[in-house]
C-alpha cells in the first residue's frame, strides 16, 4: 500500500510539472524580487566584477568583490541570497578558484546571477567562468545544500584527470539552472556533468555544446521532480556507443519531465540521446533530434531505436506521456 501511495504521489507531481513546464518558457530576471534599489544597488545583494577587489566588502555596487568564493562567504555570513556577477571573464586566481574546485557552493540559499552590465541595472550576456585549461577535481561543485540558483553563467575551458566528473551537483534540494552555457570542457574517463540525489530541479534554457568526454555528457541518478526544459545538448564528443544523457542504473529517478529540448551528436560519433534505464513516472514530449547526428534516438534499458514513432509510443518509452517528439534539421 505504501509503494502504491508513493507512486500515485509521484504521478501527481509529474503531471503538475508537465502543466507548469512543458510550454516554451520565458526566462525572467531573477533579481526582480529584490527590495527597492538604493544608490549603492539592490539591497541584500553582494556584487562581483572581474574589475573588482577582494579588499572590498561587496555590498556596494560601486565597490564589488572580484572572487566568487568571497562573494558566497559574504552572502552566507550576512544572510543574503543574491550575488550579482557582472558580465566578463573570470579565470583561475582571478575570480574563480585554482583548485580543487573552480566554484564550490556548500551553503544554503545562494543565487549566482550573472551577465549584469557594469551598473547592475540589466542583464546583457553571460558571466564567463573560464578554466583556462585548469585541471580541477570539479570546475563546479554544489553539494548538500538547499535553494540554489545559477543564471546567465558560461562554464568553459576546464578539464580534469578523469578521476571525478568535471561538474558535480549532489544532494541539492531546490535547484534552478537557467540560461547557462557549458562549452569546450574536457573530462576524460568521467562525466562532464554528474547530478546525483537531487530534488526539485529545473534545467531551463541551458546549452551543453562542444564538450569532450569518454564517458557521459550528462548523468542523472537518484533524483526526483526533475525538469529539463527548452535546452540544447549538441555537438559533444563522446566515445562511440555512449549516450549524451544517461539515467544511471540505480537508484531510480522519479517524476521526470523532458520537454522542448534539442538533442544532437557530432557527425561521425555514435552518440545516443538518452538512456532512460531506471526512471519511473517520466514525461518525454516535444523534443527535437538533429537529423543524422545520432547513433540512435532513445534507449530503454537494453533496447535502442532510431524510429521516431517508437519515441512517441509510451509502450516503448515506458513514459507516462511520450508525444510530439520529432526529427529536425539544424
C-alpha atoms as a PDB file:
ATOM      1  CA  UNK A   1       0.000   0.000   0.000  1.00  0.00           C
ATOM      2  CA  UNK A   2       2.835   2.405   0.881  1.00  0.00           C
ATOM      3  CA  UNK A   3       4.513   1.851  -2.501  1.00  0.00           C
ATOM      4  CA  UNK A   4       1.204   2.496  -4.258  1.00  0.00           C
ATOM      5  CA  UNK A   5       0.721   5.788  -2.396  1.00  0.00           C
ATOM      6  CA  UNK A   6       4.265   6.894  -3.275  1.00  0.00           C
ATOM      7  CA  UNK A   7       3.711   6.066  -6.932  1.00  0.00           C
ATOM      8  CA  UNK A   8       0.405   7.955  -7.031  1.00  0.00           C
ATOM      9  CA  UNK A   9       2.041  10.962  -5.361  1.00  0.00           C
ATOM     10  CA  UNK A  10       4.844  10.902  -7.930  1.00  0.00           C
ATOM     11  CA  UNK A  11       2.298  10.755 -10.742  1.00  0.00           C
ATOM     12  CA  UNK A  12       0.557  13.865  -9.422  1.00  0.00           C
ATOM     13  CA  UNK A  13       3.899  15.690  -9.168  1.00  0.00           C
ATOM     14  CA  UNK A  14       4.879  14.736 -12.713  1.00  0.00           C
ATOM     15  CA  UNK A  15       1.539  15.827 -14.112  1.00  0.00           C
ATOM     16  CA  UNK A  16       1.844  19.168 -12.315  1.00  0.00           C
ATOM     17  CA  UNK A  17       5.357  19.645 -13.655  1.00  0.00           C
ATOM     18  CA  UNK A  18       4.134  18.828 -17.117  1.00  0.00           C
ATOM     19  CA  UNK A  19       1.463  21.507 -16.976  1.00  0.00           C
ATOM     20  CA  UNK A  20       3.862  24.048 -15.498  1.00  0.00           C
ATOM     21  CA  UNK A  21       6.944  23.500 -17.613  1.00  0.00           C
ATOM     22  CA  UNK A  22       6.173  21.890 -20.954  1.00  0.00           C
ATOM     23  CA  UNK A  23       5.166  25.100 -22.703  1.00  0.00           C
ATOM     24  CA  UNK A  24       8.134  27.091 -24.053  1.00  0.00           C
ATOM     25  CA  UNK A  25       9.420  29.163 -21.175  1.00  0.00           C
ATOM     26  CA  UNK A  26      10.442  32.784 -20.993  1.00  0.00           C
ATOM     27  CA  UNK A  27      13.411  33.384 -18.726  1.00  0.00           C
ATOM     28  CA  UNK A  28      12.732  36.265 -16.349  1.00  0.00           C
ATOM     29  CA  UNK A  29      15.156  38.430 -14.440  1.00  0.00           C
ATOM     30  CA  UNK A  30      15.785  36.515 -11.210  1.00  0.00           C
ATOM     31  CA  UNK A  31      16.669  39.767  -9.455  1.00  0.00           C
ATOM     32  CA  UNK A  32      13.295  41.470  -9.834  1.00  0.00           C
ATOM     33  CA  UNK A  33      12.147  40.101  -6.488  1.00  0.00           C
ATOM     34  CA  UNK A  34      14.787  42.160  -4.668  1.00  0.00           C
ATOM     35  CA  UNK A  35      13.776  45.014  -2.336  1.00  0.00           C
ATOM     36  CA  UNK A  36      13.953  48.510  -3.886  1.00  0.00           C
ATOM     37  CA  UNK A  37      17.338  49.645  -5.142  1.00  0.00           C
ATOM     38  CA  UNK A  38      19.420  52.307  -3.462  1.00  0.00           C
ATOM     39  CA  UNK A  39      22.275  54.408  -4.836  1.00  0.00           C
ATOM     40  CA  UNK A  40      24.522  51.530  -3.836  1.00  0.00           C
ATOM     41  CA  UNK A  41      22.482  48.910  -5.713  1.00  0.00           C
ATOM     42  CA  UNK A  42      19.715  46.494  -4.709  1.00  0.00           C
ATOM     43  CA  UNK A  43      19.575  45.779  -1.005  1.00  0.00           C
ATOM     44  CA  UNK A  44      20.713  42.458   0.457  1.00  0.00           C
ATOM     45  CA  UNK A  45      22.958  41.738  -2.533  1.00  0.00           C
ATOM     46  CA  UNK A  46      26.667  41.041  -2.959  1.00  0.00           C
ATOM     47  CA  UNK A  47      28.271  42.376  -6.143  1.00  0.00           C
ATOM     48  CA  UNK A  48      31.066  40.768  -8.158  1.00  0.00           C
ATOM     49  CA  UNK A  49      33.097  42.151 -11.036  1.00  0.00           C
ATOM     50  CA  UNK A  50      36.196  40.967 -12.888  1.00  0.00           C
ATOM     51  CA  UNK A  51      37.467  44.505 -12.227  1.00  0.00           C
ATOM     52  CA  UNK A  52      36.554  44.357  -8.539  1.00  0.00           C
ATOM     53  CA  UNK A  53      38.775  43.841  -5.499  1.00  0.00           C
ATOM     54  CA  UNK A  54      38.540  41.341  -2.671  1.00  0.00           C
ATOM     55  CA  UNK A  55      39.584  44.154  -0.371  1.00  0.00           C
ATOM     56  CA  UNK A  56      36.018  45.425  -0.833  1.00  0.00           C
ATOM     57  CA  UNK A  57      33.086  44.189   1.213  1.00  0.00           C
ATOM     58  CA  UNK A  58      30.939  43.754  -1.915  1.00  0.00           C
ATOM     59  CA  UNK A  59      27.580  45.088  -0.711  1.00  0.00           C
ATOM     60  CA  UNK A  60      28.013  48.364  -2.626  1.00  0.00           C
ATOM     61  CA  UNK A  61      27.674  48.014  -6.388  1.00  0.00           C
ATOM     62  CA  UNK A  62      30.388  50.675  -6.789  1.00  0.00           C
ATOM     63  CA  UNK A  63      32.849  48.538  -4.834  1.00  0.00           C
ATOM     64  CA  UNK A  64      32.342  44.904  -5.912  1.00  0.00           C
ATOM     65  CA  UNK A  65      34.490  41.972  -4.904  1.00  0.00           C
ATOM     66  CA  UNK A  66      36.427  40.018  -7.518  1.00  0.00           C
ATOM     67  CA  UNK A  67      36.130  36.378  -6.451  1.00  0.00           C
ATOM     68  CA  UNK A  68      33.028  34.216  -6.418  1.00  0.00           C
ATOM     69  CA  UNK A  69      34.182  32.404  -3.271  1.00  0.00           C
ATOM     70  CA  UNK A  70      34.453  35.674  -1.332  1.00  0.00           C
ATOM     71  CA  UNK A  71      31.009  36.718  -2.527  1.00  0.00           C
ATOM     72  CA  UNK A  72      29.492  33.411  -1.367  1.00  0.00           C
ATOM     73  CA  UNK A  73      31.199  33.687   2.030  1.00  0.00           C
ATOM     74  CA  UNK A  74      29.968  37.271   2.497  1.00  0.00           C
ATOM     75  CA  UNK A  75      26.420  36.469   1.413  1.00  0.00           C
ATOM     76  CA  UNK A  76      26.285  33.495   3.764  1.00  0.00           C
ATOM     77  CA  UNK A  77      27.662  35.489   6.710  1.00  0.00           C
ATOM     78  CA  UNK A  78      25.148  38.318   6.187  1.00  0.00           C
ATOM     79  CA  UNK A  79      22.180  36.072   5.419  1.00  0.00           C
ATOM     80  CA  UNK A  80      21.913  37.454   1.870  1.00  0.00           C
ATOM     81  CA  UNK A  81      20.792  35.321  -1.071  1.00  0.00           C
ATOM     82  CA  UNK A  82      21.528  37.216  -4.296  1.00  0.00           C
ATOM     83  CA  UNK A  83      25.003  37.549  -5.754  1.00  0.00           C
ATOM     84  CA  UNK A  84      25.089  39.754  -8.863  1.00  0.00           C
ATOM     85  CA  UNK A  85      28.013  38.957 -11.156  1.00  0.00           C
ATOM     86  CA  UNK A  86      28.957  41.462 -13.849  1.00  0.00           C
ATOM     87  CA  UNK A  87      29.424  40.187 -17.385  1.00  0.00           C
ATOM     88  CA  UNK A  88      33.070  39.454 -18.076  1.00  0.00           C
ATOM     89  CA  UNK A  89      35.604  36.656 -17.844  1.00  0.00           C
ATOM     90  CA  UNK A  90      36.634  35.095 -14.540  1.00  0.00           C
ATOM     91  CA  UNK A  91      39.697  32.837 -14.555  1.00  0.00           C
ATOM     92  CA  UNK A  92      41.601  30.702 -12.014  1.00  0.00           C
ATOM     93  CA  UNK A  93      43.050  33.024  -9.377  1.00  0.00           C
ATOM     94  CA  UNK A  94      41.114  35.941 -10.876  1.00  0.00           C
ATOM     95  CA  UNK A  95      37.513  35.388  -9.890  1.00  0.00           C
ATOM     96  CA  UNK A  96      37.315  31.606  -9.648  1.00  0.00           C
ATOM     97  CA  UNK A  97      39.475  29.250  -7.617  1.00  0.00           C
ATOM     98  CA  UNK A  98      42.559  27.499  -8.978  1.00  0.00           C
ATOM     99  CA  UNK A  99      41.969  24.181  -7.180  1.00  0.00           C
ATOM    100  CA  UNK A 100      40.476  21.813  -6.228  1.00  0.00           C
ATOM    101  CA  UNK A 101      37.119  23.356  -7.238  1.00  0.00           C
ATOM    102  CA  UNK A 102      36.664  26.315  -9.565  1.00  0.00           C
ATOM    103  CA  UNK A 103      33.451  27.276  -7.765  1.00  0.00           C
ATOM    104  CA  UNK A 104      32.045  25.498  -4.715  1.00  0.00           C
ATOM    105  CA  UNK A 105      28.618  26.105  -3.192  1.00  0.00           C
ATOM    106  CA  UNK A 106      28.294  24.378   0.172  1.00  0.00           C
ATOM    107  CA  UNK A 107      25.935  26.811   1.960  1.00  0.00           C
ATOM    108  CA  UNK A 108      22.179  27.214   1.551  1.00  0.00           C
ATOM    109  CA  UNK A 109      20.270  29.962  -0.231  1.00  0.00           C
ATOM    110  CA  UNK A 110      22.775  31.153  -2.812  1.00  0.00           C
ATOM    111  CA  UNK A 111      21.646  32.706  -6.101  1.00  0.00           C
ATOM    112  CA  UNK A 112      24.504  33.358  -8.544  1.00  0.00           C
ATOM    113  CA  UNK A 113      23.006  35.688 -11.133  1.00  0.00           C
ATOM    114  CA  UNK A 114      25.413  36.574 -13.912  1.00  0.00           C
ATOM    115  CA  UNK A 115      25.507  38.687 -17.032  1.00  0.00           C
ATOM    116  CA  UNK A 116      24.903  42.076 -15.414  1.00  0.00           C
ATOM    117  CA  UNK A 117      26.060  45.280 -17.069  1.00  0.00           C
ATOM    118  CA  UNK A 118      28.598  47.437 -15.227  1.00  0.00           C
ATOM    119  CA  UNK A 119      25.890  49.377 -13.375  1.00  0.00           C
ATOM    120  CA  UNK A 120      23.985  46.207 -12.370  1.00  0.00           C
ATOM    121  CA  UNK A 121      20.780  47.544 -13.881  1.00  0.00           C
ATOM    122  CA  UNK A 122      20.254  44.968 -16.659  1.00  0.00           C
ATOM    123  CA  UNK A 123      21.396  41.513 -17.699  1.00  0.00           C
ATOM    124  CA  UNK A 124      23.221  41.815 -21.008  1.00  0.00           C
ATOM    125  CA  UNK A 125      25.007  38.484 -21.535  1.00  0.00           C
ATOM    126  CA  UNK A 126      26.973  35.860 -19.631  1.00  0.00           C
ATOM    127  CA  UNK A 127      29.440  35.955 -16.819  1.00  0.00           C
ATOM    128  CA  UNK A 128      32.094  33.553 -18.116  1.00  0.00           C
ATOM    129  CA  UNK A 129      33.895  31.202 -15.747  1.00  0.00           C
ATOM    130  CA  UNK A 130      36.856  30.246 -17.941  1.00  0.00           C
ATOM    131  CA  UNK A 131      39.019  27.447 -16.557  1.00  0.00           C
ATOM    132  CA  UNK A 132      41.786  28.355 -18.996  1.00  0.00           C
ATOM    133  CA  UNK A 133      42.759  24.674 -19.200  1.00  0.00           C
ATOM    134  CA  UNK A 134      42.971  24.333 -15.419  1.00  0.00           C
ATOM    135  CA  UNK A 135      42.936  20.739 -14.145  1.00  0.00           C
ATOM    136  CA  UNK A 136      40.214  20.606 -11.475  1.00  0.00           C
ATOM    137  CA  UNK A 137      38.648  17.929  -9.370  1.00  0.00           C
ATOM    138  CA  UNK A 138      35.387  19.741 -10.176  1.00  0.00           C
ATOM    139  CA  UNK A 139      35.121  23.049 -12.004  1.00  0.00           C
ATOM    140  CA  UNK A 140      31.727  23.428 -10.290  1.00  0.00           C
ATOM    141  CA  UNK A 141      30.827  21.601  -7.091  1.00  0.00           C
ATOM    142  CA  UNK A 142      27.421  22.098  -5.430  1.00  0.00           C
ATOM    143  CA  UNK A 143      26.598  19.734  -2.599  1.00  0.00           C
ATOM    144  CA  UNK A 144      24.446  19.169   0.486  1.00  0.00           C
ATOM    145  CA  UNK A 145      22.501  22.432   0.197  1.00  0.00           C
ATOM    146  CA  UNK A 146      19.054  23.933  -0.414  1.00  0.00           C
ATOM    147  CA  UNK A 147      17.673  26.736  -2.609  1.00  0.00           C
ATOM    148  CA  UNK A 148      20.368  27.299  -5.235  1.00  0.00           C
ATOM    149  CA  UNK A 149      20.079  29.319  -8.449  1.00  0.00           C
ATOM    150  CA  UNK A 150      22.583  29.700 -11.282  1.00  0.00           C
ATOM    151  CA  UNK A 151      21.622  32.114 -14.038  1.00  0.00           C
ATOM    152  CA  UNK A 152      23.379  33.613 -17.077  1.00  0.00           C
ATOM    153  CA  UNK A 153      26.746  31.952 -16.444  1.00  0.00           C
ATOM    154  CA  UNK A 154      29.033  30.272 -19.011  1.00  0.00           C
ATOM    155  CA  UNK A 155      31.351  27.483 -17.853  1.00  0.00           C
ATOM    156  CA  UNK A 156      34.133  26.809 -20.337  1.00  0.00           C
ATOM    157  CA  UNK A 157      37.683  25.563 -20.993  1.00  0.00           C
ATOM    158  CA  UNK A 158      38.074  23.437 -17.863  1.00  0.00           C
ATOM    159  CA  UNK A 159      39.488  19.931 -17.625  1.00  0.00           C
ATOM    160  CA  UNK A 160      40.309  17.209 -15.101  1.00  0.00           C
ATOM    161  CA  UNK A 161      42.271  13.991 -14.934  1.00  0.00           C
ATOM    162  CA  UNK A 162      39.157  11.832 -15.202  1.00  0.00           C
ATOM    163  CA  UNK A 163      39.039  10.768 -11.557  1.00  0.00           C
ATOM    164  CA  UNK A 164      35.905  12.841 -10.939  1.00  0.00           C
ATOM    165  CA  UNK A 165      33.077  14.327 -13.003  1.00  0.00           C
ATOM    166  CA  UNK A 166      34.008  17.830 -14.098  1.00  0.00           C
ATOM    167  CA  UNK A 167      30.783  19.318 -12.727  1.00  0.00           C
ATOM    168  CA  UNK A 168      29.352  17.602  -9.658  1.00  0.00           C
ATOM    169  CA  UNK A 169      25.927  18.519  -8.257  1.00  0.00           C
ATOM    170  CA  UNK A 170      24.977  16.266  -5.347  1.00  0.00           C
ATOM    171  CA  UNK A 171      22.249  16.266  -2.687  1.00  0.00           C
ATOM    172  CA  UNK A 172      20.717  19.610  -3.565  1.00  0.00           C
ATOM    173  CA  UNK A 173      17.101  20.343  -2.636  1.00  0.00           C
ATOM    174  CA  UNK A 174      15.692  23.105  -4.817  1.00  0.00           C
ATOM    175  CA  UNK A 175      17.973  23.868  -7.762  1.00  0.00           C
ATOM    176  CA  UNK A 176      17.316  26.116 -10.747  1.00  0.00           C
ATOM    177  CA  UNK A 177      19.868  26.456 -13.539  1.00  0.00           C
ATOM    178  CA  UNK A 178      18.622  28.998 -16.059  1.00  0.00           C
ATOM    179  CA  UNK A 179      20.193  30.357 -19.243  1.00  0.00           C
ATOM    180  CA  UNK A 180      23.621  28.805 -18.675  1.00  0.00           C
ATOM    181  CA  UNK A 181      26.243  27.552 -21.143  1.00  0.00           C
ATOM    182  CA  UNK A 182      28.665  24.628 -20.790  1.00  0.00           C
ATOM    183  CA  UNK A 183      31.171  24.514 -23.629  1.00  0.00           C
ATOM    184  CA  UNK A 184      34.647  23.316 -24.576  1.00  0.00           C
ATOM    185  CA  UNK A 185      35.210  21.405 -21.340  1.00  0.00           C
ATOM    186  CA  UNK A 186      37.168  18.136 -21.248  1.00  0.00           C
ATOM    187  CA  UNK A 187      36.643  15.275 -18.819  1.00  0.00           C
ATOM    188  CA  UNK A 188      38.479  12.119 -19.918  1.00  0.00           C
ATOM    189  CA  UNK A 189      37.100   8.869 -18.467  1.00  0.00           C
ATOM    190  CA  UNK A 190      34.376  10.599 -16.479  1.00  0.00           C
ATOM    191  CA  UNK A 191      31.209  12.637 -16.942  1.00  0.00           C
ATOM    192  CA  UNK A 192      31.064  16.301 -17.883  1.00  0.00           C
ATOM    193  CA  UNK A 193      28.061  16.868 -15.570  1.00  0.00           C
ATOM    194  CA  UNK A 194      27.049  14.425 -12.850  1.00  0.00           C
ATOM    195  CA  UNK A 195      23.831  15.061 -10.890  1.00  0.00           C
ATOM    196  CA  UNK A 196      23.130  12.676  -8.032  1.00  0.00           C
ATOM    197  CA  UNK A 197      20.421  12.586  -5.326  1.00  0.00           C
ATOM    198  CA  UNK A 198      18.883  15.962  -6.152  1.00  0.00           C
ATOM    199  CA  UNK A 199      15.248  17.001  -5.594  1.00  0.00           C
ATOM    200  CA  UNK A 200      13.119  19.714  -7.211  1.00  0.00           C
ATOM    201  CA  UNK A 201      15.465  20.575 -10.068  1.00  0.00           C
ATOM    202  CA  UNK A 202      14.806  22.701 -13.157  1.00  0.00           C
ATOM    203  CA  UNK A 203      17.313  22.966 -16.019  1.00  0.00           C
ATOM    204  CA  UNK A 204      15.847  25.681 -18.235  1.00  0.00           C
ATOM    205  CA  UNK A 205      17.477  27.126 -21.358  1.00  0.00           C
ATOM    206  CA  UNK A 206      20.854  25.527 -20.764  1.00  0.00           C
ATOM    207  CA  UNK A 207      23.192  24.756 -23.652  1.00  0.00           C
ATOM    208  CA  UNK A 208      25.718  21.916 -23.376  1.00  0.00           C
ATOM    209  CA  UNK A 209      27.777  22.219 -26.558  1.00  0.00           C
ATOM    210  CA  UNK A 210      31.199  21.158 -27.788  1.00  0.00           C
ATOM    211  CA  UNK A 211      32.421  19.291 -24.701  1.00  0.00           C
ATOM    212  CA  UNK A 212      34.597  16.156 -24.762  1.00  0.00           C
ATOM    213  CA  UNK A 213      34.218  13.098 -22.559  1.00  0.00           C
ATOM    214  CA  UNK A 214      34.946   9.401 -22.877  1.00  0.00           C
ATOM    215  CA  UNK A 215      32.012   8.890 -20.546  1.00  0.00           C
ATOM    216  CA  UNK A 216      28.630  10.655 -20.435  1.00  0.00           C
ATOM    217  CA  UNK A 217      27.896  14.303 -21.100  1.00  0.00           C
ATOM    218  CA  UNK A 218      25.088  14.483 -18.529  1.00  0.00           C
ATOM    219  CA  UNK A 219      24.435  11.756 -15.968  1.00  0.00           C
ATOM    220  CA  UNK A 220      21.438  11.868 -13.614  1.00  0.00           C
ATOM    221  CA  UNK A 221      20.556   9.376 -10.907  1.00  0.00           C
ATOM    222  CA  UNK A 222      18.658   9.056  -7.663  1.00  0.00           C
ATOM    223  CA  UNK A 223      16.765  12.312  -8.243  1.00  0.00           C
ATOM    224  CA  UNK A 224      13.105  13.327  -8.149  1.00  0.00           C
ATOM    225  CA  UNK A 225      10.927  16.114  -9.535  1.00  0.00           C
ATOM    226  CA  UNK A 226      13.486  16.831 -12.248  1.00  0.00           C
ATOM    227  CA  UNK A 227      12.754  19.016 -15.298  1.00  0.00           C
ATOM    228  CA  UNK A 228      14.907  19.519 -18.414  1.00  0.00           C
ATOM    229  CA  UNK A 229      13.250  22.223 -20.474  1.00  0.00           C
ATOM    230  CA  UNK A 230      13.969  24.254 -23.620  1.00  0.00           C
ATOM    231  CA  UNK A 231      17.645  23.293 -23.620  1.00  0.00           C
ATOM    232  CA  UNK A 232      20.226  22.019 -26.118  1.00  0.00           C
ATOM    233  CA  UNK A 233      22.703  19.150 -25.878  1.00  0.00           C
ATOM    234  CA  UNK A 234      24.617  19.198 -29.162  1.00  0.00           C
ATOM    235  CA  UNK A 235      27.960  18.576 -30.892  1.00  0.00           C
ATOM    236  CA  UNK A 236      29.641  16.977 -27.907  1.00  0.00           C
ATOM    237  CA  UNK A 237      32.346  14.332 -28.270  1.00  0.00           C
ATOM    238  CA  UNK A 238      31.792  11.000 -26.560  1.00  0.00           C
ATOM    239  CA  UNK A 239      33.113   7.518 -27.204  1.00  0.00           C
ATOM    240  CA  UNK A 240      31.094   5.716 -29.885  1.00  0.00           C
ATOM    241  CA  UNK A 241      28.071   3.980 -28.406  1.00  0.00           C
ATOM    242  CA  UNK A 242      27.875   6.085 -25.265  1.00  0.00           C
ATOM    243  CA  UNK A 243      24.819   8.266 -24.647  1.00  0.00           C
ATOM    244  CA  UNK A 244      24.809  12.012 -24.289  1.00  0.00           C
ATOM    245  CA  UNK A 245      22.361  11.763 -21.405  1.00  0.00           C
ATOM    246  CA  UNK A 246      22.076   8.776 -19.111  1.00  0.00           C
ATOM    247  CA  UNK A 247      19.908   7.924 -16.156  1.00  0.00           C
ATOM    248  CA  UNK A 248      22.125   5.630 -14.140  1.00  0.00           C
ATOM    249  CA  UNK A 249      21.210   2.085 -13.214  1.00  0.00           C
ATOM    250  CA  UNK A 250      20.452   2.729  -9.561  1.00  0.00           C
ATOM    251  CA  UNK A 251      18.825   4.334  -7.694  1.00  0.00           C
ATOM    252  CA  UNK A 252      15.755   5.347  -9.670  1.00  0.00           C
ATOM    253  CA  UNK A 253      14.958   8.862 -10.852  1.00  0.00           C
ATOM    254  CA  UNK A 254      11.280   9.721 -10.332  1.00  0.00           C
ATOM    255  CA  UNK A 255       8.852  12.329 -11.655  1.00  0.00           C
ATOM    256  CA  UNK A 256      10.998  13.454 -14.591  1.00  0.00           C
ATOM    257  CA  UNK A 257       9.936  15.867 -17.344  1.00  0.00           C
ATOM    258  CA  UNK A 258      11.979  16.274 -20.558  1.00  0.00           C
ATOM    259  CA  UNK A 259      10.338  18.787 -22.879  1.00  0.00           C
ATOM    260  CA  UNK A 260      11.056  21.187 -25.772  1.00  0.00           C
ATOM    261  CA  UNK A 261      14.762  20.378 -25.995  1.00  0.00           C
ATOM    262  CA  UNK A 262      17.142  19.925 -28.953  1.00  0.00           C
ATOM    263  CA  UNK A 263      19.376  16.851 -28.891  1.00  0.00           C
ATOM    264  CA  UNK A 264      22.150  16.028 -31.310  1.00  0.00           C
ATOM    265  CA  UNK A 265      25.583  14.488 -31.549  1.00  0.00           C
ATOM    266  CA  UNK A 266      28.678  15.257 -33.534  1.00  0.00           C
ATOM    267  CA  UNK A 267      28.747  13.728 -37.022  1.00  0.00           C
ATOM    268  CA  UNK A 268      30.969  10.657 -37.067  1.00  0.00           C
ATOM    269  CA  UNK A 269      30.282   9.751 -33.429  1.00  0.00           C
ATOM    270  CA  UNK A 270      27.720   7.151 -32.349  1.00  0.00           C
ATOM    271  CA  UNK A 271      26.133   9.281 -29.665  1.00  0.00           C
ATOM    272  CA  UNK A 272      22.866   8.145 -28.131  1.00  0.00           C
ATOM    273  CA  UNK A 273      20.433  10.731 -26.995  1.00  0.00           C
ATOM    274  CA  UNK A 274      19.234   9.173 -23.763  1.00  0.00           C
ATOM    275  CA  UNK A 275      19.342   6.012 -21.733  1.00  0.00           C
ATOM    276  CA  UNK A 276      16.254   6.088 -19.560  1.00  0.00           C
ATOM    277  CA  UNK A 277      17.092   2.807 -17.911  1.00  0.00           C
ATOM    278  CA  UNK A 278      15.917   3.401 -14.380  1.00  0.00           C
ATOM    279  CA  UNK A 279      13.249   6.070 -14.465  1.00  0.00           C
ATOM    280  CA  UNK A 280       9.726   5.896 -13.126  1.00  0.00           C
ATOM    281  CA  UNK A 281       6.830   8.169 -13.983  1.00  0.00           C
ATOM    282  CA  UNK A 282       8.523  10.322 -16.648  1.00  0.00           C
ATOM    283  CA  UNK A 283       7.235  12.608 -19.397  1.00  0.00           C
ATOM    284  CA  UNK A 284       9.030  12.935 -22.736  1.00  0.00           C
ATOM    285  CA  UNK A 285       7.400  15.445 -25.091  1.00  0.00           C
ATOM    286  CA  UNK A 286       8.089  17.924 -27.903  1.00  0.00           C
ATOM    287  CA  UNK A 287      11.819  17.272 -28.171  1.00  0.00           C
ATOM    288  CA  UNK A 288      13.789  17.599 -31.433  1.00  0.00           C
ATOM    289  CA  UNK A 289      16.502  15.212 -32.604  1.00  0.00           C
ATOM    290  CA  UNK A 290      19.010  16.590 -35.089  1.00  0.00           C
ATOM    291  CA  UNK A 291      18.828  14.514 -38.253  1.00  0.00           C
ATOM    292  CA  UNK A 292      21.826  12.260 -38.976  1.00  0.00           C
ATOM    293  CA  UNK A 293      23.762  13.231 -35.857  1.00  0.00           C
ATOM    294  CA  UNK A 294      22.947  10.349 -33.548  1.00  0.00           C
ATOM    295  CA  UNK A 295      23.668   6.644 -33.492  1.00  0.00           C
ATOM    296  CA  UNK A 296      20.227   6.119 -32.019  1.00  0.00           C
ATOM    297  CA  UNK A 297      17.491   8.353 -30.665  1.00  0.00           C
ATOM    298  CA  UNK A 298      16.386   6.642 -27.499  1.00  0.00           C
ATOM    299  CA  UNK A 299      17.233   3.620 -25.437  1.00  0.00           C
ATOM    300  CA  UNK A 300      15.102   1.979 -22.821  1.00  0.00           C
ATOM    301  CA  UNK A 301      17.298  -0.390 -20.873  1.00  0.00           C
ATOM    302  CA  UNK A 302      18.968  -2.582 -23.490  1.00  0.00           C
ATOM    303  CA  UNK A 303      16.660  -1.776 -26.421  1.00  0.00           C
ATOM    304  CA  UNK A 304      17.558   1.205 -28.624  1.00  0.00           C
ATOM    305  CA  UNK A 305      15.733   2.743 -31.565  1.00  0.00           C
ATOM    306  CA  UNK A 306      16.076   5.231 -34.406  1.00  0.00           C
ATOM    307  CA  UNK A 307      12.335   5.162 -35.062  1.00  0.00           C
ATOM    308  CA  UNK A 308      10.696   8.431 -34.053  1.00  0.00           C
ATOM    309  CA  UNK A 309       7.354   6.633 -33.911  1.00  0.00           C
ATOM    310  CA  UNK A 310       8.757   4.429 -31.154  1.00  0.00           C
ATOM    311  CA  UNK A 311       9.986   7.515 -29.300  1.00  0.00           C
ATOM    312  CA  UNK A 312       6.397   8.776 -29.329  1.00  0.00           C
ATOM    313  CA  UNK A 313       4.993   5.448 -28.130  1.00  0.00           C
ATOM    314  CA  UNK A 314       4.601   5.027 -24.374  1.00  0.00           C
ATOM    315  CA  UNK A 315       4.656   1.251 -24.828  1.00  0.00           C
ATOM    316  CA  UNK A 316       8.296   1.620 -25.910  1.00  0.00           C
ATOM    317  CA  UNK A 317       9.478   4.575 -23.833  1.00  0.00           C
ATOM    318  CA  UNK A 318       7.613   3.472 -20.682  1.00  0.00           C
ATOM    319  CA  UNK A 319       6.833   7.148 -20.145  1.00  0.00           C
ATOM    320  CA  UNK A 320       3.604   8.425 -18.637  1.00  0.00           C
ATOM    321  CA  UNK A 321       3.361  10.716 -21.669  1.00  0.00           C
ATOM    322  CA  UNK A 322       5.507  10.474 -24.802  1.00  0.00           C
ATOM    323  CA  UNK A 323       4.441  12.608 -27.761  1.00  0.00           C
ATOM    324  CA  UNK A 324       5.349  15.417 -30.142  1.00  0.00           C
ATOM    325  CA  UNK A 325       8.997  14.365 -30.491  1.00  0.00           C
ATOM    326  CA  UNK A 326      10.429  14.866 -33.980  1.00  0.00           C
ATOM    327  CA  UNK A 327      13.428  14.690 -36.280  1.00  0.00           C
ATOM    328  CA  UNK A 328      14.683  18.091 -37.399  1.00  0.00           C
ATOM    329  CA  UNK A 329      17.452  19.649 -39.488  1.00  0.00           C
ATOM    330  CA  UNK A 330      19.703  22.052 -37.638  1.00  0.00           C
END
